Protein backbone atom coordinates (compact mmCIF):
# COMPACT_ATOMS: atom_id res chain seq x y z
CA MET A 1 -50.92 37.36 -59.40
CA ASN A 2 -51.61 38.22 -63.02
CA LYS A 3 -50.64 35.56 -65.53
CA GLU A 4 -49.63 38.37 -67.95
CA ASN A 5 -46.69 39.18 -65.65
CA ILE A 6 -45.27 35.68 -65.99
CA GLU A 7 -42.47 35.49 -68.50
CA LEU A 8 -43.31 31.95 -69.59
CA THR A 9 -44.15 31.89 -73.26
CA ASN A 10 -45.52 28.35 -73.04
CA TYR A 11 -47.50 28.72 -69.79
CA PRO A 12 -50.71 27.08 -71.14
CA GLU A 13 -48.69 24.13 -72.44
CA PHE A 14 -46.95 23.81 -69.09
CA ILE A 15 -50.26 23.71 -67.22
CA ALA A 16 -51.66 21.21 -69.72
CA SER A 17 -48.65 18.92 -69.27
CA MET A 18 -48.94 19.17 -65.48
CA LYS A 19 -52.65 18.29 -65.64
CA THR A 20 -51.81 15.30 -67.82
CA VAL A 21 -49.21 14.06 -65.32
CA ILE A 22 -51.59 14.63 -62.39
CA GLN A 23 -54.30 12.57 -64.10
CA LYS A 24 -51.91 9.88 -65.33
CA HIS A 25 -50.58 9.24 -61.82
CA SER A 26 -53.99 9.70 -60.11
CA LEU A 27 -52.61 12.43 -57.86
CA GLN A 28 -56.03 13.93 -57.18
CA GLU A 29 -57.27 10.79 -55.43
CA GLN A 30 -57.15 10.33 -51.67
CA ASN A 31 -54.09 8.13 -51.33
CA ARG A 32 -51.40 8.17 -48.62
CA LYS A 33 -48.85 5.96 -50.35
CA ARG A 34 -45.36 7.36 -50.12
CA ASP A 35 -44.74 7.35 -53.85
CA GLN A 36 -47.99 9.25 -54.50
CA ASN A 37 -47.20 11.80 -51.78
CA TYR A 38 -43.73 12.35 -53.20
CA LYS A 39 -45.20 12.96 -56.64
CA ARG A 40 -47.74 15.45 -55.27
CA ILE A 41 -44.97 17.30 -53.42
CA VAL A 42 -42.81 17.49 -56.55
CA ILE A 43 -45.75 18.72 -58.63
CA ALA A 44 -46.66 21.35 -56.01
CA GLN A 45 -43.06 22.60 -55.88
CA GLU A 46 -42.81 22.78 -59.67
CA LEU A 47 -46.11 24.66 -59.94
CA LYS A 48 -45.08 27.10 -57.20
CA ARG A 49 -41.74 27.63 -58.93
CA ASN A 50 -43.71 28.56 -62.03
CA HIS A 51 -45.65 31.29 -60.21
CA MET A 52 -48.93 29.52 -59.41
CA THR A 53 -50.74 30.56 -56.24
CA LEU A 54 -51.36 28.15 -53.39
CA SER A 55 -55.09 28.06 -54.11
CA GLU A 56 -54.48 27.32 -57.81
CA ILE A 57 -52.17 24.44 -56.90
CA ALA A 58 -54.70 23.19 -54.35
CA ARG A 59 -57.46 23.19 -56.98
CA LEU A 60 -55.31 21.24 -59.43
CA LEU A 61 -54.46 18.61 -56.83
CA LYS A 62 -57.91 18.68 -55.19
CA ARG A 63 -56.38 19.61 -51.86
CA ASN A 64 -56.59 22.43 -49.34
CA HIS A 65 -54.18 25.40 -49.62
CA ALA A 66 -52.85 24.52 -46.14
CA THR A 67 -51.96 21.06 -47.45
CA VAL A 68 -50.04 22.70 -50.28
CA ILE A 69 -48.14 24.84 -47.77
CA ASN A 70 -47.23 21.66 -45.91
CA MET A 71 -46.13 19.98 -49.16
CA LEU A 72 -43.84 22.89 -50.00
CA LYS A 73 -42.36 22.82 -46.50
CA ASN A 74 -41.75 19.08 -46.77
CA TYR A 75 -40.05 19.49 -50.14
CA ALA A 76 -37.04 21.12 -48.51
CA ILE A 77 -36.73 18.28 -46.01
CA LEU A 78 -37.38 15.41 -48.42
CA SER A 79 -34.97 16.68 -51.07
CA ASN A 80 -32.16 15.28 -48.87
CA TYR A 81 -33.40 11.71 -49.32
CA SER A 82 -32.35 9.59 -52.31
CA ASP A 83 -35.71 7.82 -52.74
CA PHE A 84 -37.46 11.19 -52.98
CA ARG A 85 -34.87 12.53 -55.44
CA GLU A 86 -35.38 9.47 -57.67
CA VAL A 87 -39.14 10.05 -57.80
CA GLU A 88 -38.53 13.75 -58.43
CA GLU A 89 -36.11 13.12 -61.30
CA ARG A 90 -38.43 10.63 -63.01
CA LEU A 91 -41.46 12.89 -62.67
CA LEU A 92 -39.66 16.04 -63.80
CA LEU A 93 -38.28 14.25 -66.84
CA GLU A 94 -41.83 13.26 -67.67
CA VAL A 95 -43.18 16.79 -67.16
CA GLN A 96 -40.32 18.53 -68.94
CA GLY A 97 -40.12 16.00 -71.74
CA ASN A 98 -41.77 18.47 -74.10
CA LYS A 99 -39.17 21.19 -73.55
CA THR A 100 -36.09 21.49 -75.71
CA ILE A 101 -32.65 21.12 -74.17
CA VAL A 102 -31.99 24.80 -74.86
CA ASP A 103 -35.11 25.77 -72.86
CA ARG A 104 -34.00 23.58 -69.97
CA VAL A 105 -30.47 25.07 -69.99
CA LEU A 106 -31.83 28.62 -70.05
CA GLU A 107 -34.04 27.85 -67.04
CA CYS A 108 -31.08 26.85 -64.87
CA GLU A 109 -30.52 29.52 -62.24
CA ASN A 110 -27.15 28.32 -60.93
CA TYR A 111 -24.31 25.87 -61.46
CA PHE A 112 -25.90 23.11 -59.38
CA GLU A 113 -29.07 23.12 -61.47
CA MET A 114 -26.89 22.88 -64.59
CA VAL A 115 -25.03 19.87 -63.16
CA LYS A 116 -28.36 18.23 -62.24
CA LEU A 117 -29.60 18.79 -65.80
CA GLN A 118 -26.39 17.30 -67.18
CA LYS A 119 -26.88 14.16 -65.08
CA GLU A 120 -30.51 13.86 -66.23
CA LEU A 121 -29.48 14.19 -69.86
CA GLN A 122 -26.72 11.61 -69.49
CA GLN A 123 -29.34 9.05 -68.51
CA ILE A 124 -31.18 9.56 -71.80
CA PRO A 125 -29.70 7.41 -74.60
CA ASN A 126 -27.93 9.26 -77.45
CA VAL A 127 -28.07 12.73 -75.85
CA CYS A 128 -24.75 13.39 -74.13
CA LYS A 129 -22.41 10.98 -75.89
């Protein structure tokens, strides 16, 4: 897929912030701890949602593309569990911390994403008061 076709004006900044999070949390290392796996799965899902190919995601995480496929499959299952959702919320707040609230609202594709964003913003002091 051509990166020119992607309608993300801040695509390089997004990739840079993802690389920073990957390095900060040591997600490229061989580690089977649940928390680390959850973070890798969240990162893989977010990268896929932003039009990265499986091989590009695999290179960023130093994994095989088949592992990335498995991560994306597990995302749907794990999103039903509260401990996974907590890790996801914390990590996405960290990744998306550089975006403005307007950008985040415009990215919402449906009502449920908007409600999720509202809940995230309510946890930040002095935002939704």
